[in-house]
Amino acid sequence: MSFDQQILEASKKHPRPARIFAYGTAGFRMKADLLPSVVFRVGLLAAARSRKMNGQSIGVMITASHNPPEDNGVKLVDPYGDMLEATWEPYATAFANAKTDEELVEEFNKLHTSLKINSSAPARVIYARDTRASGPTLVDCLVDALTATNTEYTDYKLLTTPQLHYLIRCTNTKGTQYEYGDVSETGYYEKLSTAFKQAMKNAKSKGTITVDCANGVGGPKLRELVKYLPSQAEGGVDIKVVNEDVHKPDNLNSQVMRSIIFEFLTRDSRKLRYYGSQCGADFVKTQQRAPPSSKAAPGDRCASLDGDADRIVYYFIDEDSNFRLLDGDRIATLAAAFLGELGEKSGLASKLSIGVVQTAYANGASTKFITENLKLPIQCTPTGVKYLHHAAQRFDIGVYFEANGHGTVLFSPLALKTIATHEPQSPSQADALATLTAATELINQTVGDALSDLLLVEVILAHKAWDPANWLSTYTDYPNRLVRVEVGNRNVFKTEDAERRLTEPKHAQARIDELVGKYTKGRSFARASGTEDAVRVYAEAATRAEADDLAQKVAGIVKQFGGLALSK
C-alpha cells in the first residue's frame, strides 16, 4: 500500500520553515510557530514506528515542559511507555529536515524499505497535549499525518506527560502478564490512590503540603487526583493547590528564562527585574526562592511542578526565614534510603541490589552521602531522561533523579518477582513488605512523574515522622548556582565525561579549569541545553559568594566563546 499521494497533499498544508531541526533529549522543542511541519512529520514517523512494532500503540505528546508559554514541542513515546528508541531519533531528524514534500515522501518510503516495514499493517497512535495556546493547532497538524497514513488514533486531549506514558504502557500490556493498569485517566488516579492508601497504613502525615502547579496541566490533574485520596483525617495527606490557572496560557511556568535580566551596577552588586508569573519548578530551582503565591509559613512543606508535571522540587522556609531547597538530589537520597530500609526490614536486602543514577548537576554533597552513608553505588550519565532511565535498568532497584526534580524509581522484572514471592518471617517483615509492594505500584515506572513522586515523598516523610528540616539535615549541600547563557548556536559546545568537561570550543575548558582551581571545593561545568539555544553553567564552592562568583565568571567564558546574552 502506498501513501505517497495522501502524504504529498497533506504536507502542502504544513510548509517547512527555513531552519535545521534536531530530535533531542526532549524530542523537538522550540517556538510554537516553527512547529507545524515538524509535528506533521512526527505523525508520519509515529505511524511508521507503530507498523514496525506490529501495530502496538505509539504515543505522541505535544508539550514544551518548563519552557516559556510561546514555545511548544513534540516527542514520541515507545510501546512500553519509555522514550523513543535512540536508533530512531535520526529518522525523526531526517523527516523534519526534508526540504520538499517530495523529499519527505522519499524519506518515508526509504525508511519503510530499509526497515522492511509493512505499509498494510495496522498503525495505532494515542496522543495528548498540555495547556499551551498553540496545542490545538499542532494537534490538527498531527491528525493530518495520521489520517494520511490510515492510522488509528485516540485523542486524550489534556494530560500530563507522565499520564500519557502510563496510558501507552497500559494499552500495550493489557491482557498480558505485564498488565500495568486500566487504560484510562481514571485508571491512573485509581492506581496511585490505591497504592498510596496501602503505603500509608502504618504512617501518619502531619501538616499540609502546598503544591505550586506552574499554571500548567498539573493543576487540574492534581485536583482530580486529590478526589481519590484520603484526607489527612482519614489517614492520607492534606494537599493545597496553588498556581493552577490554565485559562491564561501566558502565566505558564516562571517565564524566567526570557524575562530576568542581569544589570551589573558594580563589580559586586546587581539588581534583578522580574516579570511574569514567577512559579514552577524551574523558577524555584534556578532562583532558589519560593514562588510569591505560595504564602507558606516557616516550616511548611512546599513543592513546585513544571508545566507538564514530569518534575518536582520541594522546599521550605526555615525558622530564620531562609529559603531551603529540597531538589531532585534530595528526593533521590530520600527514596534510596527508604527503599533500602524496607529491603532490610522485609528480609530482602541480600536479594535486591539498589543503585542511584545521577548527572553532573547532582550536588557533590549528595554524591558523597550516597556513597559514604548509604553505601550505595552511583552511576553518572549525561543529562537526559533516556540516559538515566537506561542506566537505572541495570539495577534491581534503580533510583534516578536529575537535580531539577525529574526522576523515578525502576524495579526490574526480577525484583518485582522477588518482592511478590517473598515469604515474610515476622509481622514486622510483613508490614515492610506490604509497604515495599505498595511503593512498586505508587511509583510511575514509565517516566518521571511529579504527581507520583509527590505521593512517594509524602509517604516516606510520614513513615519517618519527618518534617522538611529533618529531611534537610541528612547532609549539607555545597553552595551552588545555575546560570543560563543564551548563545547563537548551542551545537558548538561539545562535552565528554558525562558532560562534565568541554571538548569544544577549544581552550574553553582550560579557562574553566584555571578558574575552578582558585575556589575552595570549586566545581563547575558548562553544557549546551538540549531544548534551546542556551548553555547552562553549574558551579559549586565552599561558600555561597564563591559559588555565585564562580558561576558568573564561567558564564562569562561561555559568553566569550559564543554567548549573546546572560540570564539566570
Protein backbone atom coordinates (compact mmCIF):
# COMPACT_ATOMS: atom_id res chain seq x y z
CA MET A 1 0.00 0.00 0.00
CA SER A 2 1.33 3.45 -0.93
CA PHE A 3 0.55 6.63 0.97
CA ASP A 4 2.55 8.87 -1.38
CA GLN A 5 -0.28 10.98 -2.76
CA GLN A 6 -2.04 11.34 0.58
CA ILE A 7 1.18 12.47 2.29
CA LEU A 8 2.03 14.91 -0.53
CA GLU A 9 -1.36 16.59 -0.36
CA ALA A 10 -1.38 16.80 3.42
CA SER A 11 2.22 18.00 3.64
CA LYS A 12 1.44 21.01 1.42
CA LYS A 13 -0.67 22.39 4.27
CA HIS A 14 2.38 22.44 6.55
CA PRO A 15 5.35 24.05 4.74
CA ARG A 16 8.73 23.61 6.35
CA PRO A 17 10.43 26.79 7.64
CA ALA A 18 13.98 27.51 6.57
CA ARG A 19 15.88 26.13 9.52
CA ILE A 20 17.54 22.93 10.70
CA PHE A 21 15.80 20.72 13.25
CA ALA A 22 17.22 18.05 15.56
CA TYR A 23 15.37 15.48 17.64
CA GLY A 24 16.97 15.89 21.07
CA THR A 25 16.60 14.70 24.63
CA ALA A 26 13.06 16.07 24.83
CA GLY A 27 12.10 15.49 21.20
CA PHE A 28 11.61 18.68 19.20
CA ARG A 29 11.13 21.87 21.23
CA MET A 30 11.13 25.49 20.00
CA LYS A 31 8.89 28.48 19.28
CA ALA A 32 5.43 27.11 18.51
CA ASP A 33 5.09 28.90 15.17
CA LEU A 34 8.02 26.83 13.82
CA LEU A 35 6.43 23.50 14.70
CA PRO A 36 3.50 22.74 12.33
CA SER A 37 5.62 20.93 9.73
CA VAL A 38 7.62 19.20 12.44
CA VAL A 39 4.54 17.85 14.23
CA PHE A 40 3.06 16.67 10.92
CA ARG A 41 6.25 14.78 10.14
CA VAL A 42 6.45 13.32 13.64
CA GLY A 43 2.97 11.97 12.98
CA LEU A 44 4.30 10.17 9.89
CA LEU A 45 7.11 8.69 11.93
CA ALA A 46 4.72 7.60 14.69
CA ALA A 47 2.67 5.68 12.11
CA ALA A 48 5.79 4.00 10.76
CA ARG A 49 7.02 3.16 14.25
CA SER A 50 3.69 1.55 15.14
CA ARG A 51 3.70 -0.57 11.99
CA LYS A 52 7.29 -1.63 12.70
CA MET A 53 6.18 -2.63 16.22
CA ASN A 54 3.42 -4.87 14.86
CA GLY A 55 0.61 -2.41 15.44
CA GLN A 56 1.42 -1.57 19.06
CA SER A 57 0.33 1.91 20.08
CA ILE A 58 2.87 4.72 19.93
CA GLY A 59 2.43 7.89 21.98
CA VAL A 60 2.80 11.47 20.80
CA MET A 61 3.00 14.19 23.46
CA ILE A 62 2.72 17.85 22.49
CA THR A 63 4.39 19.88 25.23
CA ALA A 64 7.36 22.12 25.93
CA SER A 65 7.51 21.21 29.62
CA HIS A 66 9.18 24.04 31.58
CA ASN A 67 9.76 26.30 28.56
CA PRO A 68 8.01 29.69 28.19
CA PRO A 69 4.38 29.74 27.01
CA GLU A 70 5.21 30.79 23.44
CA ASP A 71 7.23 27.58 22.97
CA ASN A 72 5.92 24.12 22.30
CA GLY A 73 7.32 20.73 21.44
CA VAL A 74 6.57 17.18 20.39
CA LYS A 75 8.03 13.83 21.34
CA LEU A 76 7.35 10.17 20.74
CA VAL A 77 6.70 7.51 23.36
CA ASP A 78 7.54 3.87 22.68
CA PRO A 79 5.18 0.93 23.37
CA TYR A 80 6.36 0.24 26.92
CA GLY A 81 5.96 3.85 27.95
CA ASP A 82 9.63 4.76 27.61
CA MET A 83 11.32 7.25 25.32
CA LEU A 84 11.66 6.69 21.59
CA GLU A 85 14.37 4.14 20.83
CA ALA A 86 17.58 6.07 20.21
CA THR A 87 18.21 4.44 16.82
CA TRP A 88 15.02 6.08 15.56
CA GLU A 89 15.98 9.61 16.56
CA PRO A 90 17.93 10.19 13.29
CA TYR A 91 14.81 9.24 11.33
CA ALA A 92 12.84 11.92 13.18
CA THR A 93 15.55 14.45 12.34
CA ALA A 94 15.63 13.37 8.69
CA PHE A 95 11.85 13.64 8.34
CA ALA A 96 11.81 17.11 9.93
CA ASN A 97 14.58 18.38 7.66
CA ALA A 98 13.29 17.06 4.33
CA LYS A 99 13.38 20.20 2.17
CA THR A 100 10.36 19.49 -0.01
CA ASP A 101 7.16 17.48 0.19
CA GLU A 102 8.57 15.10 -2.41
CA GLU A 103 11.78 14.63 -0.43
CA LEU A 104 9.67 13.88 2.65
CA VAL A 105 7.83 11.12 0.78
CA GLU A 106 11.20 9.73 -0.33
CA GLU A 107 12.42 9.64 3.30
CA PHE A 108 9.17 7.99 4.37
CA ASN A 109 9.46 5.27 1.72
CA LYS A 110 13.19 4.81 2.28
CA LEU A 111 12.51 4.12 5.97
CA HIS A 112 9.86 1.54 5.14
CA THR A 113 12.17 -0.18 2.66
CA SER A 114 15.30 -0.20 4.83
CA LEU A 115 13.47 -1.49 7.92
CA LYS A 116 11.10 -3.76 5.99
CA ILE A 117 8.00 -2.05 7.39
CA ASN A 118 4.74 -3.46 6.07
CA SER A 119 2.64 -0.48 4.95
CA SER A 120 -0.50 -2.64 5.04
CA ALA A 121 -0.04 -3.46 8.73
CA PRO A 122 -2.21 -1.63 11.26
CA ALA A 123 -0.86 1.52 12.90
CA ARG A 124 -2.11 2.98 16.18
CA VAL A 125 -1.24 6.24 17.91
CA ILE A 126 -2.50 7.88 21.07
CA TYR A 127 -1.71 11.50 21.80
CA ALA A 128 -2.27 14.33 24.26
CA ARG A 129 -1.11 17.89 24.89
CA ASP A 130 -0.50 20.34 27.71
CA THR A 131 -2.35 23.63 28.20
CA ARG A 132 -0.38 25.86 25.81
CA ALA A 133 -2.44 28.01 23.49
CA SER A 134 -0.67 26.54 20.44
CA GLY A 135 -1.62 22.99 21.36
CA PRO A 136 -4.90 22.62 19.40
CA THR A 137 -3.29 23.90 16.18
CA LEU A 138 -0.43 21.45 16.49
CA VAL A 139 -2.85 18.61 17.20
CA ASP A 140 -4.50 19.37 13.85
CA CYS A 141 -1.11 19.01 12.15
CA LEU A 142 -0.60 15.65 13.84
CA VAL A 143 -4.06 14.40 12.84
CA ASP A 144 -3.39 15.32 9.20
CA ALA A 145 -0.39 12.96 9.22
CA LEU A 146 -2.26 10.15 10.94
CA THR A 147 -5.14 10.46 8.51
CA ALA A 148 -2.80 10.47 5.52
CA THR A 149 -1.24 7.20 6.68
CA ASN A 150 -4.51 5.45 7.62
CA THR A 151 -3.51 5.34 11.27
CA GLU A 152 -5.97 4.63 14.07
CA TYR A 153 -5.70 7.31 16.72
CA THR A 154 -7.06 8.25 20.14
CA ASP A 155 -7.06 11.82 21.40
CA TYR A 156 -6.70 12.02 25.19
CA LYS A 157 -6.77 15.83 24.99
CA LEU A 158 -5.19 17.46 28.09
CA LEU A 159 -2.85 15.21 30.07
CA THR A 160 0.40 15.46 31.96
CA THR A 161 3.30 13.90 30.08
CA PRO A 162 3.60 11.05 32.63
CA GLN A 163 -0.10 10.25 32.23
CA LEU A 164 0.41 9.67 28.52
CA HIS A 165 3.40 7.42 29.24
CA TYR A 166 1.22 5.48 31.69
CA LEU A 167 -1.55 5.07 29.12
CA ILE A 168 0.86 3.84 26.46
CA ARG A 169 2.19 1.07 28.71
CA CYS A 170 -1.32 0.14 29.86
CA THR A 171 -2.59 0.00 26.28
CA ASN A 172 0.20 -2.27 25.07
CA THR A 173 0.30 -4.59 28.10
CA LYS A 174 -3.45 -5.05 28.50
CA GLY A 175 -4.30 -8.74 28.74
CA THR A 176 -0.69 -9.83 29.27
CA GLN A 177 1.21 -10.92 32.39
CA TYR A 178 2.77 -7.44 32.44
CA GLU A 179 -0.56 -5.57 32.58
CA TYR A 180 0.20 -2.19 34.14
CA GLY A 181 -3.22 -0.70 34.86
CA ASP A 182 -6.58 0.31 33.48
CA VAL A 183 -6.37 2.10 30.12
CA SER A 184 -7.92 5.40 31.20
CA GLU A 185 -7.12 8.59 33.03
CA THR A 186 -9.35 7.34 35.84
CA GLY A 187 -7.27 4.17 35.97
CA TYR A 188 -4.18 6.30 36.57
CA TYR A 189 -5.78 8.03 39.57
CA GLU A 190 -7.13 4.78 40.95
CA LYS A 191 -3.76 3.02 40.70
CA LEU A 192 -1.91 5.80 42.52
CA SER A 193 -4.58 6.27 45.19
CA THR A 194 -4.89 2.54 45.95
CA ALA A 195 -1.12 2.20 46.33
CA PHE A 196 -0.95 5.38 48.42
CA LYS A 197 -3.58 4.14 50.86
CA GLN A 198 -1.72 0.85 51.25
CA ALA A 199 1.64 2.58 51.75
CA MET A 200 0.18 4.89 54.42
CA LYS A 201 -1.33 2.13 56.58
CA ASN A 202 1.41 2.30 59.20
CA ALA A 203 2.18 6.00 58.91
CA LYS A 204 0.60 9.36 59.69
CA SER A 205 1.07 12.59 57.81
CA LYS A 206 1.36 15.92 59.59
CA GLY A 207 0.72 19.42 58.29
CA THR A 208 -0.19 20.49 54.77
CA ILE A 209 1.78 20.23 51.55
CA THR A 210 1.37 23.31 49.32
CA VAL A 211 1.88 22.46 45.66
CA ASP A 212 2.67 25.12 43.04
CA CYS A 213 1.46 23.70 39.70
CA ALA A 214 3.19 26.29 37.46
CA ASN A 215 -0.20 27.27 36.00
CA GLY A 216 0.12 24.17 33.84
CA VAL A 217 -1.74 20.95 33.22
CA GLY A 218 -0.57 19.54 36.55
CA GLY A 219 -3.03 21.85 38.33
CA PRO A 220 -6.32 20.32 37.18
CA LYS A 221 -4.81 16.83 37.18
CA LEU A 222 -3.63 17.15 40.78
CA ARG A 223 -7.07 18.48 41.72
CA GLU A 224 -8.58 15.38 40.17
CA LEU A 225 -6.11 13.05 41.90
CA VAL A 226 -6.93 14.61 45.28
CA LYS A 227 -10.54 13.44 44.86
CA TYR A 228 -9.30 9.84 45.01
CA LEU A 229 -7.01 10.31 48.01
CA PRO A 230 -7.95 10.06 51.70
CA SER A 231 -7.74 13.28 53.67
CA GLN A 232 -5.27 13.61 56.50
CA ALA A 233 -8.03 12.80 58.98
CA GLU A 234 -8.71 9.61 57.03
CA GLY A 235 -5.06 8.57 57.08
CA GLY A 236 -3.96 10.44 53.98
CA VAL A 237 -2.47 13.86 53.31
CA ASP A 238 -3.78 17.41 53.03
CA ILE A 239 -2.76 18.99 49.72
CA LYS A 240 -3.16 22.70 48.98
CA VAL A 241 -3.00 23.52 45.26
CA VAL A 242 -1.74 26.95 44.07
CA ASN A 243 -0.80 28.40 40.66
CA GLU A 244 -3.34 26.33 38.75
CA ASP A 245 -4.67 28.97 36.32
CA VAL A 246 -4.70 27.15 32.99
CA HIS A 247 -7.15 29.62 31.45
CA LYS A 248 -4.40 32.20 30.92
CA PRO A 249 -1.68 30.32 28.99
CA ASP A 250 0.75 33.23 29.27
CA ASN A 251 1.03 32.51 33.01
CA LEU A 252 2.51 29.06 32.36
CA ASN A 253 5.80 28.36 34.14
CA SER A 254 8.03 31.08 35.52
CA GLN A 255 8.74 32.95 32.27
CA VAL A 256 12.06 33.46 33.98
CA MET A 257 14.17 32.32 31.03
CA ARG A 258 13.01 35.15 28.84
CA SER A 259 12.40 37.86 31.39
CA ILE A 260 15.05 38.05 34.07
CA ILE A 261 17.89 40.31 33.11
CA PHE A 262 21.13 40.92 34.98
CA GLU A 263 22.08 44.56 35.17
CA PHE A 264 25.56 44.81 36.58
CA LEU A 265 25.80 48.03 38.57
CA THR A 266 29.22 47.50 40.10
CA ARG A 267 31.68 44.64 40.34
CA ASP A 268 29.93 43.23 43.41
CA SER A 269 26.31 44.27 43.10
CA ARG A 270 23.42 43.66 40.78
CA LYS A 271 19.70 44.08 40.63
CA LEU A 272 17.10 41.81 39.14
CA ARG A 273 13.98 42.77 37.26
CA TYR A 274 11.24 40.16 37.42
CA TYR A 275 8.29 39.84 35.09
CA GLY A 276 5.76 37.07 34.60
CA SER A 277 4.17 34.67 36.99
CA GLN A 278 7.25 33.55 38.95
CA CYS A 279 6.21 29.97 39.55
CA GLY A 280 7.12 26.41 38.69
CA ALA A 281 9.97 24.03 39.44
CA ASP A 282 12.44 25.74 37.11
CA PHE A 283 11.87 29.10 38.80
CA VAL A 284 12.36 27.61 42.25
CA LYS A 285 15.45 25.63 41.29
CA THR A 286 17.25 28.39 39.40
CA GLN A 287 16.21 31.32 41.61
CA GLN A 288 16.34 29.36 44.86
CA ARG A 289 13.34 31.11 46.30
CA ALA A 290 9.69 30.28 46.79
CA PRO A 291 7.00 31.48 44.38
CA PRO A 292 5.39 34.59 45.89
CA SER A 293 1.99 32.94 45.68
CA SER A 294 2.83 30.02 47.99
CA LYS A 295 2.48 32.13 51.16
CA ALA A 296 3.56 29.17 53.28
CA ALA A 297 4.52 29.64 56.91
CA PRO A 298 8.01 28.78 58.19
CA GLY A 299 8.46 25.01 58.36
CA ASP A 300 5.58 24.23 55.99
CA ARG A 301 6.21 21.70 53.24
CA CYS A 302 6.03 23.15 49.72
CA ALA A 303 6.57 21.69 46.27
CA SER A 304 6.60 23.01 42.70
CA LEU A 305 5.83 21.17 39.47
CA ASP A 306 6.80 22.16 35.94
CA GLY A 307 4.47 22.85 33.02
CA ASP A 308 3.76 19.23 32.08
CA ALA A 309 4.14 17.78 35.60
CA ASP A 310 7.09 15.47 34.98
CA ARG A 311 9.36 17.12 37.53
CA ILE A 312 9.01 18.27 41.13
CA VAL A 313 11.14 20.01 43.74
CA TYR A 314 10.39 20.52 47.44
CA TYR A 315 11.34 23.48 49.62
CA PHE A 316 10.51 25.29 52.84
CA ILE A 317 11.29 28.43 54.82
CA ASP A 318 13.28 27.68 57.97
CA GLU A 319 12.85 29.28 61.39
CA ASP A 320 15.33 32.00 60.44
CA SER A 321 13.28 32.85 57.32
CA ASN A 322 15.87 31.28 55.00
CA PHE A 323 14.73 29.50 51.83
CA ARG A 324 15.71 25.82 51.81
CA LEU A 325 15.57 23.77 48.61
CA LEU A 326 14.96 20.02 48.57
CA ASP A 327 15.60 19.20 44.92
CA GLY A 328 15.93 16.04 42.86
CA ASP A 329 19.16 15.08 44.62
CA ARG A 330 17.32 15.18 47.94
CA ILE A 331 14.40 13.15 46.58
CA ALA A 332 16.83 10.54 45.23
CA THR A 333 18.63 10.15 48.56
CA LEU A 334 15.33 10.06 50.45
CA ALA A 335 13.88 7.37 48.17
CA ALA A 336 17.06 5.28 48.04
CA ALA A 337 17.44 5.33 51.82
CA PHE A 338 13.77 4.43 52.38
CA LEU A 339 13.75 1.57 49.88
CA GLY A 340 16.97 0.27 51.38
CA GLU A 341 15.38 0.32 54.83
CA LEU A 342 12.31 -1.54 53.55
CA GLY A 343 14.62 -4.11 51.98
CA GLU A 344 16.35 -4.64 55.33
CA LYS A 345 13.12 -4.76 57.36
CA SER A 346 11.38 -7.14 54.95
CA GLY A 347 14.32 -9.55 54.80
CA LEU A 348 15.04 -8.83 51.13
CA ALA A 349 18.23 -6.78 51.42
CA SER A 350 20.51 -9.61 50.30
CA LYS A 351 18.32 -10.38 47.29
CA LEU A 352 17.92 -6.88 45.83
CA SER A 353 20.63 -4.52 44.57
CA ILE A 354 19.90 -0.80 44.84
CA GLY A 355 21.76 1.80 42.81
CA VAL A 356 21.46 5.54 42.19
CA VAL A 357 21.93 7.29 38.86
CA GLN A 358 22.93 10.96 38.76
CA THR A 359 24.06 13.60 36.28
CA ALA A 360 26.77 16.22 36.54
CA TYR A 361 24.17 18.58 38.05
CA ALA A 362 23.95 16.44 41.20
CA ASN A 363 25.29 18.30 44.21
CA GLY A 364 28.64 16.89 45.31
CA ALA A 365 27.38 16.53 48.87
CA SER A 366 24.58 14.21 47.73
CA THR A 367 27.05 12.04 45.87
CA LYS A 368 29.21 11.78 48.97
CA PHE A 369 26.18 10.97 51.16
CA ILE A 370 25.02 8.16 48.86
CA THR A 371 28.43 6.51 48.63
CA GLU A 372 29.66 7.05 52.21
CA ASN A 373 26.45 6.96 54.29
CA LEU A 374 24.04 4.84 52.28
CA LYS A 375 26.87 2.68 50.89
CA LEU A 376 25.17 2.51 47.51
CA PRO A 377 26.76 2.54 44.05
CA ILE A 378 26.34 5.58 41.81
CA GLN A 379 26.48 5.87 38.05
CA CYS A 380 26.85 9.29 36.39
CA THR A 381 25.31 9.77 32.95
CA PRO A 382 24.83 12.64 30.51
CA THR A 383 21.79 14.82 31.14
CA GLY A 384 18.58 13.45 29.68
CA VAL A 385 15.93 11.00 30.76
CA LYS A 386 16.90 8.41 28.18
CA TYR A 387 20.40 8.12 29.66
CA LEU A 388 19.33 7.95 33.29
CA HIS A 389 16.45 5.58 32.61
CA HIS A 390 18.69 3.17 30.72
CA ALA A 391 21.36 3.21 33.44
CA ALA A 392 18.78 2.64 36.20
CA GLN A 393 17.61 -0.53 34.46
CA ARG A 394 20.94 -2.15 35.32
CA PHE A 395 19.98 -2.41 38.99
CA ASP A 396 17.26 -4.48 40.68
CA ILE A 397 16.03 -1.17 42.08
CA GLY A 398 17.36 1.82 40.18
CA VAL A 399 16.76 5.29 41.59
CA TYR A 400 17.29 8.17 39.21
CA PHE A 401 16.59 11.86 39.64
CA GLU A 402 18.07 14.86 37.95
CA ALA A 403 18.73 17.79 40.25
CA ASN A 404 15.89 19.65 38.51
CA GLY A 405 13.42 17.18 40.05
CA HIS A 406 12.82 14.86 37.11
CA GLY A 407 13.12 11.22 38.03
CA THR A 408 11.59 7.98 39.22
CA VAL A 409 12.47 4.53 40.55
CA LEU A 410 12.66 1.42 38.36
CA PHE A 411 12.09 -2.12 39.61
CA SER A 412 13.46 -4.88 37.38
CA PRO A 413 11.19 -7.81 36.47
CA LEU A 414 13.34 -9.97 38.74
CA ALA A 415 12.93 -7.51 41.62
CA LEU A 416 9.16 -7.42 41.18
CA LYS A 417 9.02 -11.23 41.16
CA THR A 418 11.28 -11.44 44.21
CA ILE A 419 9.10 -8.98 46.13
CA ALA A 420 5.87 -10.69 45.06
CA THR A 421 7.02 -14.20 46.06
CA HIS A 422 8.84 -13.34 49.29
CA GLU A 423 7.54 -15.01 52.45
CA PRO A 424 7.89 -12.71 55.48
CA GLN A 425 9.07 -14.35 58.69
CA SER A 426 7.50 -11.94 61.17
CA PRO A 427 4.73 -9.33 61.43
CA SER A 428 7.30 -6.54 61.11
CA GLN A 429 8.68 -8.11 57.93
CA ALA A 430 5.12 -8.43 56.59
CA ASP A 431 4.47 -4.72 57.25
CA ALA A 432 7.68 -3.68 55.49
CA LEU A 433 6.93 -6.00 52.58
CA ALA A 434 3.43 -4.56 52.21
CA THR A 435 4.85 -1.02 52.09
CA LEU A 436 7.51 -2.04 49.58
CA THR A 437 4.89 -3.73 47.40
CA ALA A 438 2.73 -0.59 47.54
CA ALA A 439 5.75 1.51 46.53
CA THR A 440 6.18 -0.53 43.34
CA GLU A 441 2.62 0.43 42.38
CA LEU A 442 2.76 4.03 43.62
CA ILE A 443 5.86 4.88 41.58
CA ASN A 444 5.27 5.56 37.89
CA GLN A 445 7.99 3.40 36.39
CA THR A 446 7.48 4.61 32.83
CA VAL A 447 8.95 8.08 33.35
CA GLY A 448 9.49 10.78 35.97
CA ASP A 449 6.06 11.78 37.29
CA ALA A 450 5.62 14.78 39.58
CA LEU A 451 2.28 13.57 40.97
CA SER A 452 3.54 10.07 41.68
CA ASP A 453 6.79 11.43 43.15
CA LEU A 454 4.81 13.85 45.33
CA LEU A 455 2.89 10.97 46.90
CA LEU A 456 6.07 8.91 47.32
CA VAL A 457 7.80 11.71 49.21
CA GLU A 458 4.74 12.23 51.40
CA VAL A 459 4.67 8.50 52.23
CA ILE A 460 8.34 8.48 53.18
CA LEU A 461 8.12 11.61 55.34
CA ALA A 462 5.06 10.17 57.09
CA HIS A 463 6.80 6.86 57.80
CA LYS A 464 9.83 8.63 59.17
CA ALA A 465 7.73 11.22 61.03
CA TRP A 466 9.99 13.86 59.47
CA ASP A 467 9.38 17.50 58.72
CA PRO A 468 11.35 19.27 55.97
CA ALA A 469 14.07 20.30 58.43
CA ASN A 470 14.69 16.66 59.35
CA TRP A 471 14.99 15.81 55.66
CA LEU A 472 17.38 18.71 55.06
CA SER A 473 19.60 17.67 57.97
CA THR A 474 20.69 14.39 56.35
CA TYR A 475 23.56 16.25 54.68
CA THR A 476 24.60 19.81 53.86
CA ASP A 477 24.56 20.83 50.20
CA TYR A 478 27.61 22.52 48.80
CA PRO A 479 26.56 26.06 47.82
CA ASN A 480 25.80 26.11 44.12
CA ARG A 481 24.49 28.30 41.34
CA LEU A 482 22.97 27.57 37.93
CA VAL A 483 23.28 30.25 35.25
CA ARG A 484 21.87 30.25 31.72
CA VAL A 485 23.70 31.87 28.80
CA GLU A 486 21.88 32.44 25.52
CA VAL A 487 24.01 31.54 22.50
CA GLY A 488 23.64 31.77 18.75
CA ASN A 489 24.34 28.07 18.21
CA ARG A 490 24.41 25.69 21.15
CA ASN A 491 25.85 22.91 18.99
CA VAL A 492 29.34 24.44 19.04
CA PHE A 493 29.60 23.44 22.72
CA LYS A 494 30.55 19.75 22.90
CA THR A 495 31.30 17.70 26.02
CA GLU A 496 32.77 14.46 27.36
CA ASP A 497 32.95 12.65 30.72
CA ALA A 498 29.14 12.62 31.21
CA GLU A 499 29.02 16.28 30.14
CA ARG A 500 31.36 17.40 32.90
CA ARG A 501 34.05 18.73 30.54
CA LEU A 502 34.00 20.72 27.30
CA THR A 503 35.91 19.38 24.31
CA GLU A 504 34.80 22.29 22.12
CA PRO A 505 35.22 25.21 21.70
CA LYS A 506 38.94 24.72 22.02
CA HIS A 507 40.60 26.26 25.08
CA ALA A 508 37.28 26.91 26.84
CA GLN A 509 37.74 24.00 29.27
CA ALA A 510 41.29 25.09 30.11
CA ARG A 511 39.95 28.51 31.04
CA ILE A 512 37.27 26.90 33.24
CA ASP A 513 39.82 24.61 34.93
CA GLU A 514 42.02 27.59 35.71
CA LEU A 515 39.12 29.40 37.35
CA VAL A 516 37.87 26.39 39.34
CA GLY A 517 41.31 25.89 40.88
CA LYS A 518 41.05 29.27 42.60
CA TYR A 519 37.98 28.31 44.69
CA THR A 520 37.73 26.13 47.79
CA LYS A 521 35.77 22.96 46.89
CA GLY A 522 35.24 24.50 43.48
CA ARG A 523 33.49 22.56 40.72
CA SER A 524 31.95 23.92 37.54
CA PHE A 525 30.93 22.77 34.09
CA ALA A 526 29.11 24.13 31.06
CA ARG A 527 26.85 22.14 28.76
CA ALA A 528 24.56 23.03 25.90
CA SER A 529 20.83 22.82 26.56
CA GLY A 530 19.08 20.00 24.77
CA THR A 531 15.99 22.09 24.09
CA GLU A 532 17.02 25.69 23.32
CA ASP A 533 19.94 27.80 22.10
CA ALA A 534 21.47 28.26 25.50
CA VAL A 535 24.34 26.92 27.58
CA ARG A 536 23.79 26.11 31.25
CA VAL A 537 26.62 26.75 33.67
CA TYR A 538 26.71 24.97 37.02
CA ALA A 539 29.10 25.88 39.83
CA GLU A 540 29.79 24.69 43.38
CA ALA A 541 32.11 26.13 46.02
CA ALA A 542 32.61 26.28 49.75
CA THR A 543 30.52 29.44 50.23
CA ARG A 544 27.51 30.99 48.53
CA ALA A 545 29.51 34.04 47.48
CA GLU A 546 32.21 31.88 45.91
CA ALA A 547 29.66 29.71 44.07
CA ASP A 548 27.91 32.78 42.68
CA ASP A 549 31.20 34.34 41.65
CA LEU A 550 32.48 31.16 40.02
CA ALA A 551 29.22 30.67 38.09
CA GLN A 552 29.26 34.21 36.76
CA LYS A 553 32.88 34.00 35.69
CA VAL A 554 32.41 30.67 33.91
CA ALA A 555 29.29 32.10 32.28
CA GLY A 556 31.46 34.96 31.10
CA ILE A 557 33.81 32.48 29.45
CA VAL A 558 30.89 30.80 27.71
CA LYS A 559 29.65 34.18 26.54
CA GLN A 560 33.05 34.97 25.06
CA PHE A 561 33.00 31.69 23.13
CA GLY A 562 29.59 32.20 21.59
CA GLY A 563 27.17 33.76 24.04
CA LEU A 564 24.73 36.50 23.17
CA ALA A 565 23.09 37.38 26.47
CA LEU A 566 23.43 36.28 30.05
CA SER A 567 20.39 35.34 32.10
CA LYS A 568 19.64 33.22 35.11
